C-alpha atoms as a PDB file:
ATOM      1  CA  MET A   1      17.120  -5.732 -14.556  1.00  0.00           C
ATOM      2  CA  ARG A   2      13.899  -4.764 -16.239  1.00  0.00           C
ATOM      3  CA  LYS A   3      12.331  -1.441 -15.199  1.00  0.00           C
ATOM      4  CA  ILE A   4       8.739  -0.328 -15.713  1.00  0.00           C
ATOM      5  CA  VAL A   5       7.221   3.074 -14.938  1.00  0.00           C
ATOM      6  CA  LEU A   6       3.530   3.506 -14.126  1.00  0.00           C
ATOM      7  CA  ARG A   7       1.852   6.898 -14.254  1.00  0.00           C
ATOM      8  CA  GLY A   8      -0.989   7.600 -11.892  1.00  0.00           C
ATOM      9  CA  ARG A   9      -2.620  10.244  -9.732  1.00  0.00           C
ATOM     10  CA  ARG A  10      -1.356  11.371  -6.355  1.00  0.00           C
ATOM     11  CA  ILE A  11      -3.451  10.620  -3.295  1.00  0.00           C
ATOM     12  CA  ASN A  12      -0.917  11.778  -0.700  1.00  0.00           C
ATOM     13  CA  GLY A  13       2.455  13.267  -1.550  1.00  0.00           C
ATOM     14  CA  GLY A  14       5.921  12.109  -0.702  1.00  0.00           C
ATOM     15  CA  ALA A  15       8.405   9.504  -1.834  1.00  0.00           C
ATOM     16  CA  ALA A  16       9.414   6.042  -0.677  1.00  0.00           C
ATOM     17  CA  GLU A  17      11.039   2.922  -1.975  1.00  0.00           C
ATOM     18  CA  GLY A  18      11.094  -0.667  -0.897  1.00  0.00           C
ATOM     19  CA  GLU A  19       9.965  -4.202  -1.523  1.00  0.00           C
ATOM     20  CA  ALA A  20       6.446  -4.656  -2.875  1.00  0.00           C
ATOM     21  CA  LEU A  21       3.743  -6.725  -1.209  1.00  0.00           C
ATOM     22  CA  VAL A  22       0.992  -7.281  -3.797  1.00  0.00           C
ATOM     23  CA  THR A  23      -2.586  -8.533  -3.682  1.00  0.00           C
ATOM     24  CA  LYS A  24      -5.558  -8.235  -6.029  1.00  0.00           C
ATOM     25  CA  GLU A  25      -7.767  -8.260  -2.939  1.00  0.00           C
ATOM     26  CA  SER A  26      -9.042  -5.253  -1.029  1.00  0.00           C
ATOM     27  CA  LEU A  27      -7.254  -4.387   2.208  1.00  0.00           C
ATOM     28  CA  GLY A  28      -9.006  -4.066   5.543  1.00  0.00           C
ATOM     29  CA  GLY A  29      -8.362  -2.033   8.662  1.00  0.00           C
ATOM     30  CA  PHE A  30      -9.513  -3.090  12.130  1.00  0.00           C
ATOM     31  CA  GLY A  31      -9.089  -6.802  12.694  1.00  0.00           C
ATOM     32  CA  CYS A  32      -6.594  -7.021   9.864  1.00  0.00           C
ATOM     33  CA  PHE A  33      -3.296  -6.359  11.688  1.00  0.00           C
ATOM     34  CA  ASP A  34      -1.389  -7.387  14.775  1.00  0.00           C
ATOM     35  CA  PHE A  35      -0.114  -4.030  15.992  1.00  0.00           C
ATOM     36  CA  ASP A  36       2.801  -5.615  17.878  1.00  0.00           C
ATOM     37  CA  THR A  37       4.263  -7.248  14.768  1.00  0.00           C
ATOM     38  CA  GLY A  38       2.692  -5.535  11.749  1.00  0.00           C
ATOM     39  CA  LYS A  39       1.508  -8.935  10.518  1.00  0.00           C
ATOM     40  CA  VAL A  40      -1.801  -9.480   8.737  1.00  0.00           C
ATOM     41  CA  ILE A  41      -4.090 -11.518  11.008  1.00  0.00           C
ATOM     42  CA  ASP A  42      -7.174 -11.569   8.741  1.00  0.00           C
ATOM     43  CA  PHE A  43      -7.506 -15.353   8.194  1.00  0.00           C
ATOM     44  CA  GLY A  44      -9.268 -14.855   4.884  1.00  0.00           C
ATOM     45  CA  HIS A  45      -6.717 -12.496   3.337  1.00  0.00           C
ATOM     46  CA  GLU A  46      -4.013 -13.562   0.900  1.00  0.00           C
ATOM     47  CA  TRP A  47      -1.436 -11.718   3.051  1.00  0.00           C
ATOM     48  CA  TYR A  48      -2.304 -13.661   6.219  1.00  0.00           C
ATOM     49  CA  GLY A  49       0.875 -14.056   8.300  1.00  0.00           C
ATOM     50  CA  GLN A  50       2.912 -11.578   6.276  1.00  0.00           C
ATOM     51  CA  THR A  51       4.131  -8.264   7.640  1.00  0.00           C
ATOM     52  CA  VAL A  52       3.229  -4.935   6.057  1.00  0.00           C
ATOM     53  CA  SER A  53       5.907  -3.095   8.016  1.00  0.00           C
ATOM     54  CA  GLY A  54       8.377  -1.345   5.719  1.00  0.00           C
ATOM     55  CA  LYS A  55       6.708  -2.612   2.531  1.00  0.00           C
ATOM     56  CA  ILE A  56       5.198  -0.861  -0.461  1.00  0.00           C
ATOM     57  CA  LEU A  57       1.605  -2.128  -0.347  1.00  0.00           C
ATOM     58  CA  VAL A  58       0.033  -2.750  -3.743  1.00  0.00           C
ATOM     59  CA  PHE A  59      -3.676  -3.559  -3.471  1.00  0.00           C
ATOM     60  CA  ARG A  60      -7.010  -3.085  -5.234  1.00  0.00           C
ATOM     61  CA  THR A  61      -8.658  -0.706  -2.769  1.00  0.00           C
ATOM     62  CA  ALA A  62      -9.548  -0.362   0.907  1.00  0.00           C
ATOM     63  CA  LYS A  63     -12.503  -2.193   2.421  1.00  0.00           C
ATOM     64  CA  GLY A  64     -14.444  -1.428   5.551  1.00  0.00           C
ATOM     65  CA  SER A  65     -15.519   1.734   7.303  1.00  0.00           C
ATOM     66  CA  SER A  66     -13.802   5.041   7.899  1.00  0.00           C
ATOM     67  CA  ALA A  67     -12.135   3.352  10.883  1.00  0.00           C
ATOM     68  CA  TRP A  68      -9.782   1.826   8.262  1.00  0.00           C
ATOM     69  CA  SER A  69      -7.600   4.883   8.685  1.00  0.00           C
ATOM     70  CA  ILE A  70      -7.391   4.441  12.466  1.00  0.00           C
ATOM     71  CA  ALA A  71      -5.914   0.950  12.086  1.00  0.00           C
ATOM     72  CA  HIS A  72      -3.357   2.207   9.574  1.00  0.00           C
ATOM     73  CA  GLN A  73      -2.509   5.173  11.778  1.00  0.00           C
ATOM     74  CA  ALA A  74      -2.025   2.764  14.703  1.00  0.00           C
ATOM     75  CA  LEU A  75       0.569   0.888  12.621  1.00  0.00           C
ATOM     76  CA  ARG A  76       2.449   4.183  12.274  1.00  0.00           C
ATOM     77  CA  PHE A  77       2.229   4.912  16.005  1.00  0.00           C
ATOM     78  CA  VAL A  78       3.834   1.556  16.861  1.00  0.00           C
ATOM     79  CA  GLY A  79       6.484   1.815  14.130  1.00  0.00           C
ATOM     80  CA  LYS A  80       5.038  -0.954  11.949  1.00  0.00           C
ATOM     81  CA  SER A  81       3.604   1.051   9.055  1.00  0.00           C
ATOM     82  CA  PRO A  82       4.140   0.359   5.377  1.00  0.00           C
ATOM     83  CA  LYS A  83       6.252   2.780   3.333  1.00  0.00           C
ATOM     84  CA  ALA A  84       3.617   3.603   0.671  1.00  0.00           C
ATOM     85  CA  TYR A  85       0.288   2.609  -0.875  1.00  0.00           C
ATOM     86  CA  VAL A  86      -0.124   1.836  -4.567  1.00  0.00           C
ATOM     87  CA  THR A  87      -3.834   1.272  -5.244  1.00  0.00           C
ATOM     88  CA  LYS A  88      -5.781   0.280  -8.314  1.00  0.00           C
ATOM     89  CA  GLU A  89      -8.862   2.195  -7.115  1.00  0.00           C
ATOM     90  CA  CYS A  90      -9.114   5.120  -4.730  1.00  0.00           C
ATOM     91  CA  ASN A  91     -11.816   5.510  -2.099  1.00  0.00           C
ATOM     92  CA  PRO A  92     -12.225   7.670   1.039  1.00  0.00           C
ATOM     93  CA  GLN A  93     -10.497   5.075   3.230  1.00  0.00           C
ATOM     94  CA  THR A  94      -7.308   5.047   1.140  1.00  0.00           C
ATOM     95  CA  VAL A  95      -7.228   8.844   1.037  1.00  0.00           C
ATOM     96  CA  LEU A  96      -7.717   9.384   4.770  1.00  0.00           C
ATOM     97  CA  GLY A  97      -5.571   6.366   5.637  1.00  0.00           C
ATOM     98  CA  SER A  98      -2.581   7.612   3.652  1.00  0.00           C
ATOM     99  CA  VAL A  99      -2.862  11.065   5.213  1.00  0.00           C
ATOM    100  CA  VAL A 100      -3.067   9.940   8.842  1.00  0.00           C
ATOM    101  CA  ALA A 101      -0.519   7.141   8.344  1.00  0.00           C
ATOM    102  CA  ARG A 102       1.722   9.718   6.616  1.00  0.00           C
ATOM    103  CA  VAL A 103       2.583   7.464   3.691  1.00  0.00           C
ATOM    104  CA  PRO A 104       2.843   8.441   0.026  1.00  0.00           C
ATOM    105  CA  ALA A 105       0.021   7.027  -2.069  1.00  0.00           C
ATOM    106  CA  VAL A 106      -0.744   6.847  -5.800  1.00  0.00           C
ATOM    107  CA  THR A 107      -3.812   5.555  -7.676  1.00  0.00           C
ATOM    108  CA  GLU A 108      -5.612   5.523 -11.064  1.00  0.00           C
ATOM    109  CA  PHE A 109      -2.720   4.259 -13.161  1.00  0.00           C
ATOM    110  CA  ASP A 110      -2.314   3.847 -16.893  1.00  0.00           C
ATOM    111  CA  GLN A 111      -2.014   0.094 -16.159  1.00  0.00           C
ATOM    112  CA  ASP A 112      -3.326  -2.104 -13.348  1.00  0.00           C
ATOM    113  CA  PRO A 113      -0.544  -2.060 -10.715  1.00  0.00           C
ATOM    114  CA  THR A 114      -1.704  -5.408  -9.297  1.00  0.00           C
ATOM    115  CA  GLU A 115      -0.985  -6.948 -12.716  1.00  0.00           C
ATOM    116  CA  VAL A 116       2.342  -5.190 -13.374  1.00  0.00           C
ATOM    117  CA  ILE A 117       3.961  -5.357  -9.916  1.00  0.00           C
ATOM    118  CA  SER A 118       4.789  -8.655  -8.202  1.00  0.00           C
ATOM    119  CA  THR A 119       5.546  -9.340  -4.561  1.00  0.00           C
ATOM    120  CA  GLY A 120       9.275  -8.918  -4.070  1.00  0.00           C
ATOM    121  CA  ASP A 121       9.768  -6.347  -6.855  1.00  0.00           C
ATOM    122  CA  TRP A 122      11.660  -3.201  -5.825  1.00  0.00           C
ATOM    123  CA  VAL A 123       9.336  -0.192  -6.105  1.00  0.00           C
ATOM    124  CA  LYS A 124      10.088   3.530  -6.003  1.00  0.00           C
ATOM    125  CA  VAL A 125       7.070   5.751  -5.371  1.00  0.00           C
ATOM    126  CA  ASP A 126       7.166   9.458  -6.271  1.00  0.00           C
ATOM    127  CA  ALA A 127       3.650  10.391  -5.242  1.00  0.00           C
ATOM    128  CA  ASP A 128       4.208  14.098  -5.914  1.00  0.00           C
ATOM    129  CA  GLN A 129       4.689  13.267  -9.608  1.00  0.00           C
ATOM    130  CA  GLY A 130       2.269  10.322  -9.628  1.00  0.00           C
ATOM    131  CA  LEU A 131       5.046   7.967 -10.721  1.00  0.00           C
ATOM    132  CA  VAL A 132       5.863   4.424  -9.644  1.00  0.00           C
ATOM    133  CA  GLU A 133       9.059   2.792 -10.914  1.00  0.00           C
ATOM    134  CA  ILE A 134       9.271  -0.965 -10.681  1.00  0.00           C
ATOM    135  CA  THR A 135      12.449  -3.006 -10.875  1.00  0.00           C
ATOM    136  CA  LYS A 136      11.406  -6.597 -11.520  1.00  0.00           C
ATOM    137  CA  LYS A 137      12.979  -9.196  -9.232  1.00  0.00           C
END
């Protein structure tokens, strides 16, 4: 198994590990998720039909308004939240979203995480240290 470590900057502390779900697209909030299933219902998104529940989400950045965080918090309330966020670019939505959803989050890496990590890779996030360890599938 090949392992890679990315070094970044903490957005929200904590640790998590799980299977990666990766997109080079931005991730939305309201209108993006089915809160009963945790599935992406945004017809135009690459993740359409896939569940974010229990995954390490690897995405470019958040898109939309500050209500982005409310949608991600709602996923937590119904037990369908992801385990962590790994973002190429940080913005206010990803910061507030990770805090209210209570998920570890890391950004501003030494390499583009959407290029290094693939869907299905096993990812360990140590947001306190700003480290992401990837075990390639």
